[in-house]
N, C-alpha and C. Protein backbone atom coordinates (compact mmCIF):
# COMPACT_ATOMS: atom_id res chain seq x y z
N MET A 1 -61.15 48.07 116.95
CA MET A 1 -61.34 46.89 117.65
C MET A 1 -62.78 46.57 117.70
N LEU A 2 -63.32 45.87 116.71
CA LEU A 2 -64.68 45.59 116.67
C LEU A 2 -64.97 44.30 117.58
N ASN A 3 -66.15 44.28 118.19
CA ASN A 3 -66.43 43.08 118.97
C ASN A 3 -66.61 41.81 118.07
N PRO A 4 -65.73 40.89 118.18
CA PRO A 4 -65.87 39.75 117.29
C PRO A 4 -67.21 38.86 117.68
N SER A 5 -67.80 38.28 116.66
CA SER A 5 -68.91 37.56 116.92
C SER A 5 -68.57 36.33 117.72
N ARG A 6 -69.66 35.62 118.22
CA ARG A 6 -69.41 34.43 119.15
C ARG A 6 -68.66 33.37 118.36
N ARG A 7 -69.01 33.17 117.10
CA ARG A 7 -68.33 32.19 116.32
C ARG A 7 -66.98 32.49 116.18
N ASN A 8 -66.56 33.72 115.91
CA ASN A 8 -65.10 34.10 115.74
C ASN A 8 -64.38 33.92 116.94
N ILE A 9 -65.03 34.23 118.14
CA ILE A 9 -64.34 33.99 119.45
C ILE A 9 -64.00 32.51 119.58
N LYS A 10 -64.91 31.57 119.18
CA LYS A 10 -64.62 30.12 119.31
C LYS A 10 -63.29 29.72 118.45
N ASP A 11 -63.20 30.35 117.24
CA ASP A 11 -62.06 30.14 116.41
C ASP A 11 -60.86 30.62 117.09
N ILE A 12 -60.88 31.80 117.65
CA ILE A 12 -59.72 32.35 118.23
C ILE A 12 -59.30 31.57 119.52
N VAL A 13 -60.29 31.11 120.25
CA VAL A 13 -59.97 30.29 121.49
C VAL A 13 -59.28 29.00 121.01
N ASN A 14 -59.79 28.45 119.99
CA ASN A 14 -59.15 27.22 119.45
C ASN A 14 -57.64 27.55 119.08
N GLN A 15 -57.47 28.70 118.49
CA GLN A 15 -56.06 29.08 118.14
C GLN A 15 -55.13 29.16 119.43
N VAL A 16 -55.77 29.75 120.39
CA VAL A 16 -55.09 29.90 121.74
C VAL A 16 -54.70 28.70 122.29
N ASN A 17 -55.70 27.74 122.15
CA ASN A 17 -55.47 26.32 122.77
C ASN A 17 -54.41 25.63 122.07
N GLU A 18 -54.32 25.75 120.77
CA GLU A 18 -53.36 25.06 120.00
C GLU A 18 -51.96 25.61 120.20
N MET A 19 -51.84 26.89 120.47
CA MET A 19 -50.48 27.50 120.68
C MET A 19 -49.99 26.96 121.99
N ASP A 20 -48.62 26.69 121.98
CA ASP A 20 -48.00 26.32 123.27
C ASP A 20 -47.91 27.56 124.10
N SER A 21 -47.77 27.42 125.33
CA SER A 21 -47.83 28.54 126.31
C SER A 21 -46.81 29.64 126.13
N ASN A 22 -45.65 29.20 125.63
CA ASN A 22 -44.60 30.22 125.38
C ASN A 22 -44.58 30.97 124.17
N SER A 23 -45.42 30.58 123.20
CA SER A 23 -45.45 31.25 121.94
C SER A 23 -46.47 32.45 121.98
N LEU A 24 -47.40 32.45 122.86
CA LEU A 24 -48.31 33.67 123.06
C LEU A 24 -47.72 34.62 123.93
N THR A 25 -47.39 35.82 123.52
CA THR A 25 -46.81 36.85 124.26
C THR A 25 -47.62 38.09 124.18
N TYR A 26 -47.25 39.07 124.89
CA TYR A 26 -47.89 40.43 124.92
C TYR A 26 -47.70 41.16 123.59
N LYS A 27 -46.76 40.65 122.78
CA LYS A 27 -46.48 41.27 121.42
C LYS A 27 -47.46 40.78 120.33
N ASN A 28 -48.30 39.75 120.61
CA ASN A 28 -49.32 39.28 119.67
C ASN A 28 -50.54 40.06 119.78
N VAL A 29 -50.45 41.30 119.31
CA VAL A 29 -51.56 42.23 119.51
C VAL A 29 -52.87 41.92 118.79
N ASP A 30 -52.65 41.27 117.56
CA ASP A 30 -53.81 40.83 116.73
C ASP A 30 -54.63 39.80 117.58
N ILE A 31 -54.02 38.88 118.14
CA ILE A 31 -54.75 37.97 118.90
C ILE A 31 -55.40 38.49 120.16
N LEU A 32 -54.58 39.21 120.82
CA LEU A 32 -55.06 39.83 122.09
C LEU A 32 -56.23 40.77 121.94
N SER A 33 -56.23 41.50 120.84
CA SER A 33 -57.35 42.55 120.65
C SER A 33 -58.56 41.84 120.35
N ASN A 34 -58.62 40.56 120.04
CA ASN A 34 -59.87 39.91 119.84
C ASN A 34 -60.55 39.60 121.22
N PHE A 35 -59.88 39.72 122.32
CA PHE A 35 -60.37 39.55 123.62
C PHE A 35 -60.86 40.84 124.26
N LEU A 36 -60.92 41.97 123.46
CA LEU A 36 -61.35 43.22 123.96
C LEU A 36 -62.68 43.59 123.31
N ASN A 37 -63.52 44.28 124.05
CA ASN A 37 -64.71 44.75 123.31
C ASN A 37 -64.48 46.16 122.66
N GLU A 38 -65.53 46.84 122.25
CA GLU A 38 -65.39 48.15 121.51
C GLU A 38 -64.81 49.16 122.43
N GLN A 39 -65.03 49.04 123.72
CA GLN A 39 -64.52 50.15 124.57
C GLN A 39 -63.22 49.83 125.05
N GLY A 40 -62.64 48.66 124.73
CA GLY A 40 -61.25 48.35 125.21
C GLY A 40 -61.22 47.50 126.46
N LYS A 41 -62.45 47.07 126.92
CA LYS A 41 -62.47 46.26 128.10
C LYS A 41 -62.11 44.86 127.76
N ILE A 42 -61.62 44.09 128.83
CA ILE A 42 -61.33 42.63 128.50
C ILE A 42 -62.58 41.82 128.56
N LEU A 43 -62.87 40.98 127.66
CA LEU A 43 -64.12 40.20 127.70
C LEU A 43 -64.10 39.18 128.74
N PRO A 44 -65.17 38.92 129.40
CA PRO A 44 -65.29 37.92 130.49
C PRO A 44 -65.25 36.52 130.05
N ARG A 45 -65.05 35.67 131.01
CA ARG A 45 -64.90 34.20 130.68
C ARG A 45 -66.13 33.65 130.21
N ARG A 46 -67.29 34.12 130.57
CA ARG A 46 -68.53 33.57 130.00
C ARG A 46 -68.77 33.92 128.58
N VAL A 47 -68.06 34.84 128.10
CA VAL A 47 -68.15 35.25 126.59
C VAL A 47 -67.04 34.41 125.86
N THR A 48 -65.86 34.42 126.38
CA THR A 48 -64.77 33.68 125.73
C THR A 48 -64.66 32.28 125.88
N ASP A 49 -65.30 31.68 126.85
CA ASP A 49 -65.27 30.25 127.22
C ASP A 49 -63.80 29.75 127.35
N LEU A 50 -63.04 30.64 127.88
CA LEU A 50 -61.60 30.15 128.28
C LEU A 50 -61.75 29.53 129.71
N ASN A 51 -60.81 28.73 130.04
CA ASN A 51 -60.84 28.23 131.41
C ASN A 51 -60.11 29.30 132.28
N SER A 52 -60.04 29.07 133.54
CA SER A 52 -59.49 30.09 134.46
C SER A 52 -58.10 30.44 134.21
N LYS A 53 -57.32 29.38 134.02
CA LYS A 53 -55.92 29.60 133.76
C LYS A 53 -55.65 30.41 132.45
N GLN A 54 -56.33 30.02 131.41
CA GLN A 54 -56.18 30.80 130.22
C GLN A 54 -56.61 32.17 130.30
N GLN A 55 -57.78 32.42 130.92
CA GLN A 55 -58.27 33.74 131.05
C GLN A 55 -57.36 34.68 131.83
N LYS A 56 -56.81 34.09 132.99
CA LYS A 56 -55.65 34.83 133.62
C LYS A 56 -54.60 35.16 132.83
N LYS A 57 -54.06 34.21 132.02
CA LYS A 57 -53.00 34.47 131.19
C LYS A 57 -53.33 35.55 130.13
N ILE A 58 -54.49 35.50 129.42
CA ILE A 58 -54.78 36.54 128.46
C ILE A 58 -54.97 37.87 129.14
N THR A 59 -55.53 38.00 130.27
CA THR A 59 -55.65 39.21 131.12
C THR A 59 -54.36 39.79 131.35
N LYS A 60 -53.33 38.96 131.86
CA LYS A 60 -51.99 39.48 132.17
C LYS A 60 -51.34 39.89 130.90
N LEU A 61 -51.44 39.22 129.77
CA LEU A 61 -50.81 39.64 128.53
C LEU A 61 -51.38 40.99 127.98
N ILE A 62 -52.71 41.12 128.14
CA ILE A 62 -53.34 42.36 127.65
C ILE A 62 -52.84 43.50 128.55
N LYS A 63 -52.70 43.38 129.88
CA LYS A 63 -52.25 44.39 130.73
C LYS A 63 -50.79 44.78 130.39
N GLN A 64 -50.02 43.75 130.08
CA GLN A 64 -48.64 44.04 129.68
C GLN A 64 -48.56 44.78 128.35
N ALA A 65 -49.42 44.39 127.46
CA ALA A 65 -49.40 45.09 126.12
C ALA A 65 -49.88 46.51 126.25
N ARG A 66 -50.78 46.77 127.29
CA ARG A 66 -51.25 48.22 127.50
C ARG A 66 -50.10 48.99 128.13
N ILE A 67 -49.42 48.38 129.03
CA ILE A 67 -48.31 49.14 129.57
C ILE A 67 -47.19 49.46 128.55
N ALA A 68 -46.98 48.51 127.62
CA ALA A 68 -46.02 48.66 126.54
C ALA A 68 -46.56 49.55 125.51
N THR A 69 -47.79 50.13 125.61
CA THR A 69 -48.47 50.94 124.72
C THR A 69 -48.71 50.35 123.34
N LEU A 70 -48.83 49.00 123.33
CA LEU A 70 -49.19 48.29 122.10
C LEU A 70 -50.71 48.24 121.87
N ILE A 71 -51.47 48.37 123.05
CA ILE A 71 -52.91 48.38 123.00
C ILE A 71 -53.25 49.54 123.84
N PRO A 72 -54.19 50.34 123.38
CA PRO A 72 -54.71 51.58 124.22
C PRO A 72 -55.48 51.17 125.38
N PHE A 73 -55.37 51.93 126.46
CA PHE A 73 -56.17 51.66 127.61
C PHE A 73 -57.65 52.00 127.36
N ILE A 74 -57.91 53.08 126.63
CA ILE A 74 -59.22 53.49 126.34
C ILE A 74 -59.30 53.72 124.82
N VAL A 75 -60.39 53.30 124.23
CA VAL A 75 -60.60 53.48 122.77
C VAL A 75 -61.47 54.65 122.61
N SER A 76 -61.14 55.54 121.78
CA SER A 76 -61.88 56.80 121.52
C SER A 76 -63.19 56.40 120.75
N LYS A 77 -64.16 57.26 120.81
CA LYS A 77 -65.48 57.04 120.18
C LYS A 77 -65.65 57.41 118.81
N ASN A 78 -64.47 57.78 118.14
CA ASN A 78 -64.57 58.33 116.84
C ASN A 78 -65.10 57.30 115.94
């Protein structure tokens, strides 16, 4: 889970904006992992430029994916 560059985040945010709200689920690990840093922490709004509603949804989906063990809680330093 590499930290995507600022430009890549903009592309990902545009993808999220274009998707309807029902198509983005906790099973979309590829998309959700782009909103995590190297340590597995959720990126803040000031980095992702999502609005409040979108950020809350992404956060909720990431937490659901972690509980379902699709995304690890902690990323090892290997």
